[in-house]
Amino acid sequence: MQKINEIDELIKLISKLPGLGPKSAKRIVLKLITNKEELIKPMANVLAQVYKNVTRCKLCGSLKSNNTGCFNCEKNREKFNKICVVEDIADQWSIESSNIFQGYFHILGGTITSHSHRKEDLLIDSLVERVKKENIEEVILATSATVEGQTTAYYIQESLKNSKVKITKLAQGLPVGGEIESLDDGTLFSAFKNRSKINSNS
């Protein structure tokens, strides 16, 4: 294979994307190079705009554009009384595309782990503030069924124990160790429909 530094660097970067290894990255790079005008040029422009304008909302954790604001926060006008708490943006997108849940989303930005995210790194304090300010009646904990996900859910439960909000968690259909974004619509529907109440005073 011909040694070209620019190509090597691009392959390394693309291979870091989820689900892609070096072989897939090479095929993608070759496709890009052979279609420079149709793909690389517009992609470079769009990536520059995304880098410049797209950020995480500091209140709800969803993605927002500096040009249009946070759509997730704008939904406040619809006066929902439920917040679904998820770990990542991908979880929010999965639930939204299934049309199972009608309400607000709150994206933590990860889970509590011993080696990376701490409680302070997640948007738990802003969740507590939203529950107070937006007259939320139910908080649905849609964290994954991993140890980290359940630890995070427990900490959120403790953070909300002095509020009167009803706290529920996803129930049947969510397999042990399962992550939200990998579940199909039927499994998500079952998990939401059969969610169970958590006693926040326990």
Protein backbone atom coordinates (compact mmCIF):
# COMPACT_ATOMS: atom_id res chain seq x y z
CA MET A 1 0.00 0.00 0.00
CA GLN A 2 1.28 3.42 -0.94
CA LYS A 3 2.43 5.46 2.07
CA ILE A 4 0.68 8.84 2.17
CA ASN A 5 0.63 10.52 5.58
CA GLU A 6 -2.63 12.39 5.01
CA ILE A 7 -4.44 9.19 4.10
CA ASP A 8 -2.94 7.30 7.02
CA GLU A 9 -4.10 9.98 9.46
CA LEU A 10 -7.60 10.00 7.99
CA ILE A 11 -7.83 6.20 8.25
CA LYS A 12 -6.73 6.36 11.90
CA LEU A 13 -9.39 8.95 12.69
CA ILE A 14 -12.24 7.19 10.90
CA SER A 15 -11.33 3.83 12.46
CA LYS A 16 -12.01 5.39 15.88
CA LEU A 17 -15.71 5.74 15.01
CA PRO A 18 -18.11 3.16 16.55
CA GLY A 19 -18.45 -0.04 14.53
CA LEU A 20 -15.54 0.77 12.22
CA GLY A 21 -12.15 -0.91 12.10
CA PRO A 22 -9.10 -0.25 9.91
CA LYS A 23 -10.49 -2.19 6.91
CA SER A 24 -13.81 -0.35 6.93
CA ALA A 25 -11.98 2.95 7.43
CA LYS A 26 -9.79 2.24 4.39
CA ARG A 27 -12.84 1.58 2.21
CA ILE A 28 -14.49 4.79 3.40
CA VAL A 29 -11.33 6.83 2.76
CA LEU A 30 -10.98 5.42 -0.75
CA LYS A 31 -14.62 6.28 -1.46
CA LEU A 32 -14.05 9.82 -0.21
CA ILE A 33 -10.89 10.33 -2.23
CA THR A 34 -12.46 9.09 -5.44
CA ASN A 35 -15.39 11.47 -4.89
CA LYS A 36 -13.57 14.55 -3.60
CA GLU A 37 -15.90 17.15 -5.04
CA GLU A 38 -19.14 15.35 -4.18
CA LEU A 39 -18.13 14.14 -0.70
CA ILE A 40 -14.94 15.58 0.82
CA LYS A 41 -15.54 19.24 0.03
CA PRO A 42 -19.13 19.47 1.35
CA MET A 43 -18.29 17.16 4.26
CA ALA A 44 -15.39 19.38 5.29
CA ASN A 45 -17.68 22.42 5.24
CA VAL A 46 -20.39 20.68 7.29
CA LEU A 47 -17.88 19.32 9.82
CA ALA A 48 -16.47 22.83 10.28
CA GLN A 49 -19.97 24.17 10.95
CA VAL A 50 -20.74 21.34 13.39
CA TYR A 51 -17.46 21.96 15.22
CA LYS A 52 -18.22 25.69 15.41
CA ASN A 53 -21.93 25.68 16.25
CA VAL A 54 -23.07 22.38 17.81
CA THR A 55 -22.61 21.98 21.57
CA ARG A 56 -24.28 20.28 24.53
CA CYS A 57 -26.93 22.25 26.38
CA LYS A 58 -25.71 22.96 29.91
CA LEU A 59 -29.25 22.64 31.30
CA CYS A 60 -30.67 19.45 29.74
CA GLY A 61 -27.58 17.87 28.16
CA SER A 62 -29.07 17.56 24.66
CA LEU A 63 -27.34 18.82 21.53
CA LYS A 64 -28.07 22.35 20.43
CA SER A 65 -27.05 24.68 17.66
CA ASN A 66 -25.77 28.16 18.41
CA ASN A 67 -27.92 29.31 15.50
CA THR A 68 -31.26 27.86 16.65
CA GLY A 69 -30.92 27.14 20.40
CA CYS A 70 -31.90 23.98 22.26
CA PHE A 71 -34.96 22.25 20.80
CA ASN A 72 -35.23 20.00 23.88
CA CYS A 73 -35.53 23.02 26.19
CA GLU A 74 -37.93 24.71 23.77
CA LYS A 75 -40.33 21.81 24.34
CA ASN A 76 -41.03 23.40 27.74
CA ARG A 77 -43.80 25.31 26.00
CA GLU A 78 -45.70 22.05 25.66
CA LYS A 79 -45.95 21.75 29.47
CA PHE A 80 -45.15 18.09 29.94
CA ASN A 81 -45.06 16.73 33.50
CA LYS A 82 -42.52 13.93 32.92
CA ILE A 83 -38.77 13.83 32.42
CA CYS A 84 -37.00 10.80 30.99
CA VAL A 85 -33.41 10.60 32.23
CA VAL A 86 -30.93 8.89 29.89
CA GLU A 87 -27.19 8.49 29.79
CA ASP A 88 -26.32 9.67 26.29
CA ILE A 89 -27.66 11.48 23.24
CA ALA A 90 -27.96 8.15 21.39
CA ASP A 91 -30.40 6.93 24.07
CA GLN A 92 -32.56 10.02 23.60
CA TRP A 93 -32.62 9.55 19.82
CA SER A 94 -33.57 5.87 20.17
CA ILE A 95 -36.50 6.64 22.46
CA GLU A 96 -37.66 9.60 20.37
CA SER A 97 -37.64 7.59 17.14
CA SER A 98 -39.82 4.91 18.74
CA ASN A 99 -42.53 7.50 19.66
CA ILE A 100 -43.01 5.69 22.97
CA PHE A 101 -42.42 8.63 25.29
CA GLN A 102 -43.99 12.08 25.22
CA GLY A 103 -42.22 14.43 27.60
CA TYR A 104 -38.92 16.11 28.37
CA PHE A 105 -35.52 14.47 28.15
CA HIS A 106 -32.54 14.95 30.42
CA ILE A 107 -29.21 13.65 29.17
CA LEU A 108 -26.66 13.01 31.90
CA GLY A 109 -23.61 12.71 29.68
CA GLY A 110 -22.55 9.28 30.92
CA THR A 111 -22.67 7.26 34.13
CA ILE A 112 -20.88 7.40 37.45
CA THR A 113 -17.72 5.32 37.17
CA SER A 114 -14.65 5.00 39.34
CA HIS A 115 -12.19 5.77 36.55
CA SER A 116 -13.83 8.46 34.40
CA HIS A 117 -17.12 10.20 35.18
CA ARG A 118 -17.73 11.45 38.70
CA LYS A 119 -21.06 12.60 40.11
CA GLU A 120 -19.94 16.19 39.53
CA ASP A 121 -19.33 15.52 35.83
CA LEU A 122 -22.95 14.60 35.15
CA LEU A 123 -25.94 16.94 34.86
CA ILE A 124 -27.62 15.67 38.02
CA ASP A 125 -27.78 19.03 39.81
CA SER A 126 -29.49 20.62 36.81
CA LEU A 127 -31.97 17.71 36.78
CA VAL A 128 -32.93 18.51 40.37
CA GLU A 129 -33.39 22.17 39.40
CA ARG A 130 -35.56 21.26 36.41
CA VAL A 131 -37.79 19.06 38.57
CA LYS A 132 -38.37 22.00 40.91
CA LYS A 133 -38.85 24.73 38.32
CA GLU A 134 -40.90 22.84 35.72
CA ASN A 135 -43.40 21.24 38.15
CA ILE A 136 -42.38 17.73 37.14
CA GLU A 137 -44.59 14.96 38.51
CA GLU A 138 -42.59 11.93 37.32
CA VAL A 139 -38.91 11.25 36.67
CA ILE A 140 -38.32 8.13 34.58
CA LEU A 141 -34.87 6.64 35.09
CA ALA A 142 -33.93 5.13 31.72
CA THR A 143 -30.32 4.36 32.53
CA SER A 144 -28.83 1.10 31.28
CA ALA A 145 -29.04 -2.15 33.21
CA THR A 146 -25.28 -2.16 33.78
CA VAL A 147 -23.65 -1.74 37.19
CA GLU A 148 -22.69 1.83 36.29
CA GLY A 149 -26.18 2.63 35.03
CA GLN A 150 -27.86 1.30 38.16
CA THR A 151 -25.34 3.12 40.42
CA THR A 152 -26.13 6.35 38.61
CA ALA A 153 -29.88 5.72 38.92
CA TYR A 154 -29.50 5.17 42.68
CA TYR A 155 -27.59 8.42 43.08
CA ILE A 156 -30.28 10.32 41.16
CA GLN A 157 -32.92 8.72 43.38
CA GLU A 158 -31.02 9.93 46.46
CA SER A 159 -30.64 13.42 44.98
CA LEU A 160 -34.41 13.67 44.50
CA LYS A 161 -35.50 12.06 47.76
CA ASN A 162 -36.50 15.40 49.33
CA SER A 163 -38.78 16.27 46.44
CA LYS A 164 -42.35 15.04 46.02
CA VAL A 165 -41.71 13.79 42.50
CA LYS A 166 -42.64 10.23 41.56
CA ILE A 167 -39.55 8.27 40.50
CA THR A 168 -39.92 5.26 38.21
CA LYS A 169 -37.51 2.98 36.39
CA LEU A 170 -37.80 0.92 33.24
CA ALA A 171 -39.00 -2.58 33.97
CA GLN A 172 -39.72 -5.68 31.88
CA GLY A 173 -38.01 -5.89 28.55
CA LEU A 174 -34.75 -4.29 29.68
CA PRO A 175 -32.19 -7.10 29.86
CA VAL A 176 -29.47 -7.17 32.50
CA GLY A 177 -26.42 -5.42 31.10
CA GLY A 178 -28.45 -3.94 28.26
CA GLU A 179 -27.94 -0.45 26.87
CA ILE A 180 -30.87 1.72 25.80
CA GLU A 181 -29.64 2.61 22.31
CA SER A 182 -29.29 -1.06 21.32
CA LEU A 183 -32.90 -2.01 22.15
CA ASP A 184 -35.59 -2.43 19.51
CA ASP A 185 -38.89 -0.51 19.62
CA GLY A 186 -40.86 -3.46 21.02
CA THR A 187 -38.44 -3.92 23.90
CA LEU A 188 -38.46 -0.19 24.65
CA PHE A 189 -42.26 -0.12 24.60
CA SER A 190 -42.40 -2.99 27.10
CA ALA A 191 -39.80 -1.35 29.32
CA PHE A 192 -41.71 1.97 29.42
CA LYS A 193 -45.17 0.46 29.77
CA ASN A 194 -44.14 -1.75 32.70
CA ARG A 195 -41.96 0.77 34.50
CA SER A 196 -42.13 0.52 38.29
CA LYS A 197 -42.20 3.13 41.01
CA ILE A 198 -39.17 3.65 43.20
CA ASN A 199 -39.64 4.62 46.83
CA SER A 200 -37.42 7.68 47.07
CA ASN A 201 -37.68 7.74 50.83
CA SER A 202 -36.13 4.30 51.29
